[in-house]
Each structure stands twice: as structure tokens, then as C-alpha cells.
């Protein structure tokens, strides 16, 4: 169930703490999941994990573009959103499964 927009921050933290693993975009809740030591797959678009990575050994980052991308609002034609759209569910599932196997070891 999608709880986006239906939870307060304290409720979101409690929900994240109860999760076996998290898939998230580059956001504040990604950092909450990392701080709670939850296994997580972080999806990055034009932002760079070099500047704001999830600080956890239980984190995997997926970012398809390399190098610097000048972030400008409304850059759909420049690949702004495409960098996230191109991340396939299969790729996310592979990373998530690898994390969960690592947890079991």
C-alpha cells in the first residue's frame, strides 16, 4: 500500500524501522532508512550519490547516468526524468535480492 502523503514524519520513521528492506529515491527518508540500518536500494536520477550518499554498509545505489548533470526544473527533454525512468524494476529487484541474501548470510 502506498502511504505517500498519508503519514506524519514520526509515523514514516516507525514504518521504515519495521520494514525488512527499503527501495527509495534520493530523499530524506532514504537517509532515515540508512540511519536505522535497514537494507536499502537508493535510486538516483540526476543528483549524485557522491554528495549525499546513504551512509550505510547495507545500502546499494542505482544511478544510470555518470558524471555531473546540471539539475534544472523542467529538463525532461534533457533527460532529467529519464535517468530515473530508465531504471528497470528487474535491476531494482536484483539489487534488493542481493541485499537480502547478504542479510541472511
N, C-alpha and C. Protein backbone atom coordinates (compact mmCIF):
# COMPACT_ATOMS: atom_id res chain seq x y z
N UNK A 1 0.84 -1.18 0.00
CA UNK A 1 0.00 0.00 0.00
C UNK A 1 0.89 1.24 0.00
N UNK A 2 0.56 2.19 -0.82
CA UNK A 2 1.30 3.43 -0.90
C UNK A 2 0.79 4.39 0.18
N UNK A 3 1.67 4.75 1.10
CA UNK A 3 1.30 5.65 2.18
C UNK A 3 1.84 7.06 1.97
N UNK A 4 2.30 7.36 0.77
CA UNK A 4 2.82 8.69 0.47
C UNK A 4 1.74 9.74 0.70
N UNK A 5 2.07 10.75 1.46
CA UNK A 5 1.13 11.82 1.75
C UNK A 5 0.12 11.49 2.83
N UNK A 6 0.17 10.29 3.37
CA UNK A 6 -0.80 9.87 4.39
C UNK A 6 -0.18 9.71 5.77
N UNK A 7 1.11 9.99 5.90
CA UNK A 7 1.78 9.76 7.18
C UNK A 7 2.52 11.02 7.64
N UNK A 8 2.62 11.16 8.93
CA UNK A 8 3.47 12.18 9.54
C UNK A 8 4.90 11.63 9.56
N UNK A 9 5.87 12.49 9.76
CA UNK A 9 7.27 12.06 9.75
C UNK A 9 7.53 10.98 10.80
N UNK A 10 7.03 11.16 12.01
CA UNK A 10 7.27 10.17 13.05
C UNK A 10 6.65 8.82 12.68
N UNK A 11 5.51 8.83 12.03
CA UNK A 11 4.89 7.58 11.58
C UNK A 11 5.72 6.93 10.47
N UNK A 12 6.25 7.74 9.57
CA UNK A 12 7.08 7.21 8.48
C UNK A 12 8.33 6.54 9.04
N UNK A 13 8.92 7.13 10.06
CA UNK A 13 10.11 6.55 10.68
C UNK A 13 9.78 5.20 11.31
N UNK A 14 8.66 5.12 11.99
CA UNK A 14 8.23 3.85 12.60
C UNK A 14 8.00 2.79 11.52
N UNK A 15 7.36 3.17 10.43
CA UNK A 15 7.11 2.22 9.34
C UNK A 15 8.42 1.74 8.71
N UNK A 16 9.35 2.65 8.49
CA UNK A 16 10.64 2.27 7.91
C UNK A 16 11.38 1.32 8.84
N UNK A 17 11.34 1.59 10.13
CA UNK A 17 12.02 0.73 11.11
C UNK A 17 11.46 -0.68 11.09
N UNK A 18 10.19 -0.83 10.74
CA UNK A 18 9.55 -2.15 10.73
C UNK A 18 9.77 -2.91 9.42
N UNK A 19 10.32 -2.26 8.42
CA UNK A 19 10.50 -2.90 7.11
C UNK A 19 11.72 -3.80 7.08
N UNK A 20 11.60 -4.88 6.34
CA UNK A 20 12.73 -5.78 6.13
C UNK A 20 13.76 -5.13 5.22
N UNK A 21 13.31 -4.34 4.25
CA UNK A 21 14.19 -3.63 3.32
C UNK A 21 13.40 -2.47 2.72
N UNK A 22 14.13 -1.52 2.15
CA UNK A 22 13.52 -0.31 1.60
C UNK A 22 14.04 -0.06 0.19
N UNK A 23 13.16 0.34 -0.71
CA UNK A 23 13.54 0.89 -2.01
C UNK A 23 13.08 2.33 -2.00
N UNK A 24 13.99 3.25 -2.24
CA UNK A 24 13.67 4.66 -2.12
C UNK A 24 14.43 5.50 -3.13
N UNK A 25 13.91 6.67 -3.38
CA UNK A 25 14.67 7.63 -4.18
C UNK A 25 15.63 8.37 -3.25
N UNK A 26 16.44 9.23 -3.84
CA UNK A 26 17.37 10.07 -3.08
C UNK A 26 16.53 11.10 -2.33
N UNK A 27 16.31 10.84 -1.05
CA UNK A 27 15.41 11.70 -0.27
C UNK A 27 15.78 11.63 1.21
N UNK A 28 15.10 12.43 1.98
CA UNK A 28 15.30 12.40 3.42
C UNK A 28 14.98 11.05 4.03
N UNK A 29 13.93 10.40 3.52
CA UNK A 29 13.57 9.09 4.08
C UNK A 29 14.61 8.03 3.73
N UNK A 30 15.34 8.21 2.64
CA UNK A 30 16.47 7.32 2.34
C UNK A 30 17.49 7.41 3.48
N UNK A 31 17.77 8.63 3.91
CA UNK A 31 18.74 8.82 4.99
C UNK A 31 18.22 8.27 6.31
N UNK A 32 16.91 8.36 6.53
CA UNK A 32 16.31 7.76 7.72
C UNK A 32 16.52 6.25 7.69
N UNK A 33 16.24 5.62 6.55
CA UNK A 33 16.42 4.17 6.43
C UNK A 33 17.88 3.78 6.68
N UNK A 34 18.81 4.56 6.15
CA UNK A 34 20.23 4.28 6.38
C UNK A 34 20.58 4.42 7.86
N UNK A 35 20.06 5.46 8.50
CA UNK A 35 20.34 5.68 9.92
C UNK A 35 19.75 4.57 10.79
N UNK A 36 18.64 3.99 10.34
CA UNK A 36 18.01 2.89 11.06
C UNK A 36 18.63 1.54 10.70
N UNK A 37 19.65 1.57 9.85
CA UNK A 37 20.38 0.37 9.44
C UNK A 37 19.51 -0.64 8.72
N UNK A 38 18.52 -0.14 7.96
CA UNK A 38 17.68 -1.01 7.16
C UNK A 38 18.37 -1.26 5.82
N UNK A 39 18.33 -2.47 5.29
CA UNK A 39 18.85 -2.69 3.94
C UNK A 39 18.06 -1.81 2.96
N UNK A 40 18.78 -1.12 2.07
CA UNK A 40 18.06 -0.23 1.17
C UNK A 40 18.70 -0.15 -0.19
N UNK A 41 17.84 0.02 -1.18
CA UNK A 41 18.26 0.30 -2.55
C UNK A 41 17.84 1.74 -2.82
N UNK A 42 18.83 2.58 -3.11
CA UNK A 42 18.58 4.00 -3.35
C UNK A 42 18.66 4.30 -4.84
N UNK A 43 17.60 4.90 -5.36
CA UNK A 43 17.52 5.23 -6.78
C UNK A 43 17.88 6.69 -6.98
N UNK A 44 18.92 6.92 -7.75
CA UNK A 44 19.38 8.28 -8.02
C UNK A 44 19.13 8.61 -9.48
N UNK A 45 18.62 9.80 -9.72
CA UNK A 45 18.46 10.32 -11.08
C UNK A 45 19.62 11.24 -11.38
N UNK A 46 19.32 12.53 -11.57
CA UNK A 46 20.39 13.47 -11.89
C UNK A 46 21.23 13.88 -10.69
N UNK A 47 20.73 13.66 -9.48
CA UNK A 47 21.54 14.01 -8.30
C UNK A 47 22.66 12.98 -8.15
N UNK A 48 23.68 13.34 -7.42
CA UNK A 48 24.86 12.48 -7.32
C UNK A 48 25.00 11.86 -5.94
N UNK A 49 25.19 10.55 -5.87
CA UNK A 49 25.45 9.92 -4.58
C UNK A 49 26.83 10.30 -4.03
N UNK A 50 27.65 10.95 -4.84
CA UNK A 50 28.95 11.41 -4.35
C UNK A 50 28.78 12.51 -3.30
N UNK A 51 27.69 13.25 -3.38
CA UNK A 51 27.45 14.36 -2.46
C UNK A 51 26.59 13.96 -1.27
N UNK A 52 25.58 13.15 -1.50
CA UNK A 52 24.64 12.79 -0.43
C UNK A 52 24.32 11.30 -0.47
N UNK A 53 25.31 10.44 -0.22
CA UNK A 53 25.04 9.01 -0.29
C UNK A 53 24.30 8.53 0.96
N UNK A 54 23.66 7.37 0.86
CA UNK A 54 23.13 6.76 2.07
C UNK A 54 24.33 6.24 2.88
N UNK A 55 24.44 6.66 4.11
CA UNK A 55 25.60 6.30 4.93
C UNK A 55 25.33 4.99 5.66
N UNK A 56 25.44 3.91 4.92
CA UNK A 56 25.17 2.58 5.46
C UNK A 56 25.86 1.53 4.61
N UNK A 57 26.44 0.53 5.26
CA UNK A 57 27.02 -0.58 4.51
C UNK A 57 25.94 -1.51 3.97
N UNK A 58 24.70 -1.28 4.36
CA UNK A 58 23.57 -2.08 3.87
C UNK A 58 22.83 -1.38 2.73
N UNK A 59 23.49 -0.44 2.08
CA UNK A 59 22.84 0.33 1.00
C UNK A 59 23.46 0.00 -0.34
N UNK A 60 22.62 -0.08 -1.34
CA UNK A 60 23.04 -0.19 -2.74
C UNK A 60 22.48 1.01 -3.47
N UNK A 61 23.29 1.60 -4.32
CA UNK A 61 22.88 2.76 -5.10
C UNK A 61 22.76 2.37 -6.56
N UNK A 62 21.66 2.77 -7.18
CA UNK A 62 21.50 2.61 -8.62
C UNK A 62 21.42 4.01 -9.22
N UNK A 63 22.36 4.30 -10.10
CA UNK A 63 22.37 5.57 -10.83
C UNK A 63 22.89 5.26 -12.23
N UNK A 64 22.07 5.49 -13.22
CA UNK A 64 22.43 5.11 -14.58
C UNK A 64 23.29 6.14 -15.29
N UNK A 65 23.16 7.39 -14.93
CA UNK A 65 23.99 8.40 -15.59
C UNK A 65 25.28 8.57 -14.80
N UNK A 66 26.31 8.98 -15.49
CA UNK A 66 27.59 9.21 -14.82
C UNK A 66 27.97 10.67 -14.96
N UNK A 67 28.82 11.09 -14.07
CA UNK A 67 29.31 12.46 -14.15
C UNK A 67 28.30 13.46 -13.64
N UNK A 68 28.59 14.70 -13.93
CA UNK A 68 27.79 15.82 -13.45
C UNK A 68 26.59 16.03 -14.36
N UNK A 69 25.44 16.29 -13.76
CA UNK A 69 24.24 16.62 -14.51
C UNK A 69 23.68 17.90 -13.91
N UNK A 70 23.66 18.95 -14.68
CA UNK A 70 23.13 20.22 -14.18
C UNK A 70 21.62 20.08 -14.00
N UNK A 71 21.18 20.12 -12.77
CA UNK A 71 19.77 19.93 -12.45
C UNK A 71 19.02 21.24 -12.65
N UNK A 72 18.05 21.20 -13.53
CA UNK A 72 17.19 22.36 -13.77
C UNK A 72 15.75 21.87 -13.83
N UNK A 73 14.88 22.59 -13.21
CA UNK A 73 13.47 22.23 -13.23
C UNK A 73 12.96 22.24 -14.67
N UNK A 74 12.23 21.21 -15.02
CA UNK A 74 11.62 21.16 -16.35
C UNK A 74 12.54 20.66 -17.44
N UNK A 75 13.60 19.96 -17.08
CA UNK A 75 14.56 19.48 -18.08
C UNK A 75 14.20 18.10 -18.63
N UNK A 76 12.94 17.79 -18.77
CA UNK A 76 12.55 16.47 -19.27
C UNK A 76 13.20 16.18 -20.61
N UNK A 77 13.31 17.18 -21.46
CA UNK A 77 13.93 16.98 -22.78
C UNK A 77 15.42 16.70 -22.66
N UNK A 78 16.02 17.09 -21.57
CA UNK A 78 17.46 16.89 -21.37
C UNK A 78 17.75 15.60 -20.61
N UNK A 79 16.75 14.79 -20.36
CA UNK A 79 16.97 13.54 -19.66
C UNK A 79 16.84 13.63 -18.15
N UNK A 80 16.31 14.74 -17.66
CA UNK A 80 16.18 14.95 -16.22
C UNK A 80 15.40 13.81 -15.57
N UNK A 81 14.24 13.50 -16.09
CA UNK A 81 13.43 12.43 -15.52
C UNK A 81 13.80 11.07 -16.11
N UNK A 82 14.30 11.07 -17.31
CA UNK A 82 14.61 9.81 -17.98
C UNK A 82 15.64 8.99 -17.21
N UNK A 83 16.53 9.67 -16.50
CA UNK A 83 17.56 8.95 -15.75
C UNK A 83 16.95 8.08 -14.65
N UNK A 84 15.79 8.42 -14.16
CA UNK A 84 15.08 7.56 -13.21
C UNK A 84 14.17 6.57 -13.93
N UNK A 85 13.52 7.02 -14.97
CA UNK A 85 12.60 6.16 -15.71
C UNK A 85 13.33 4.94 -16.28
N UNK A 86 14.58 5.13 -16.68
CA UNK A 86 15.35 4.05 -17.30
C UNK A 86 15.81 2.98 -16.31
N UNK A 87 15.66 3.20 -15.02
CA UNK A 87 16.00 2.17 -14.04
C UNK A 87 14.89 1.12 -14.08
N UNK A 88 15.24 -0.09 -14.45
CA UNK A 88 14.22 -1.13 -14.63
C UNK A 88 13.85 -1.78 -13.30
N UNK A 89 12.61 -2.22 -13.19
CA UNK A 89 12.22 -2.98 -12.00
C UNK A 89 13.11 -4.21 -11.79
N UNK A 90 13.51 -4.85 -12.88
CA UNK A 90 14.38 -6.02 -12.79
C UNK A 90 15.70 -5.67 -12.09
N UNK A 91 16.28 -4.55 -12.46
CA UNK A 91 17.55 -4.12 -11.85
C UNK A 91 17.37 -3.86 -10.36
N UNK A 92 16.28 -3.20 -10.01
CA UNK A 92 16.00 -2.92 -8.60
C UNK A 92 15.82 -4.22 -7.83
N UNK A 93 15.08 -5.14 -8.40
CA UNK A 93 14.84 -6.43 -7.75
C UNK A 93 16.13 -7.21 -7.57
N UNK A 94 17.01 -7.18 -8.56
CA UNK A 94 18.30 -7.86 -8.44
C UNK A 94 19.11 -7.30 -7.27
N UNK A 95 19.17 -5.99 -7.16
CA UNK A 95 19.92 -5.36 -6.07
C UNK A 95 19.28 -5.67 -4.71
N UNK A 96 17.96 -5.62 -4.67
CA UNK A 96 17.24 -5.91 -3.44
C UNK A 96 17.46 -7.35 -3.00
N UNK A 97 17.36 -8.28 -3.93
CA UNK A 97 17.59 -9.69 -3.60
C UNK A 97 19.01 -9.93 -3.12
N UNK A 98 19.98 -9.28 -3.74
CA UNK A 98 21.38 -9.42 -3.31
C UNK A 98 21.55 -8.91 -1.87
N UNK A 99 20.91 -7.81 -1.56
CA UNK A 99 20.97 -7.29 -0.19
C UNK A 99 20.35 -8.25 0.81
N UNK A 100 19.21 -8.79 0.46
CA UNK A 100 18.52 -9.71 1.38
C UNK A 100 19.31 -10.99 1.57
N UNK A 101 19.96 -11.48 0.53
CA UNK A 101 20.83 -12.65 0.67
C UNK A 101 22.01 -12.34 1.57
N UNK A 102 22.55 -11.16 1.44
CA UNK A 102 23.66 -10.71 2.29
C UNK A 102 23.22 -10.66 3.75
N UNK A 103 22.00 -10.24 3.99
CA UNK A 103 21.46 -10.16 5.35
C UNK A 103 21.34 -11.55 5.97
N UNK A 104 20.99 -12.53 5.15
CA UNK A 104 20.79 -13.88 5.65
C UNK A 104 22.11 -14.59 5.94
N UNK A 105 23.18 -14.14 5.31
CA UNK A 105 24.49 -14.81 5.46
C UNK A 105 25.11 -14.55 6.81
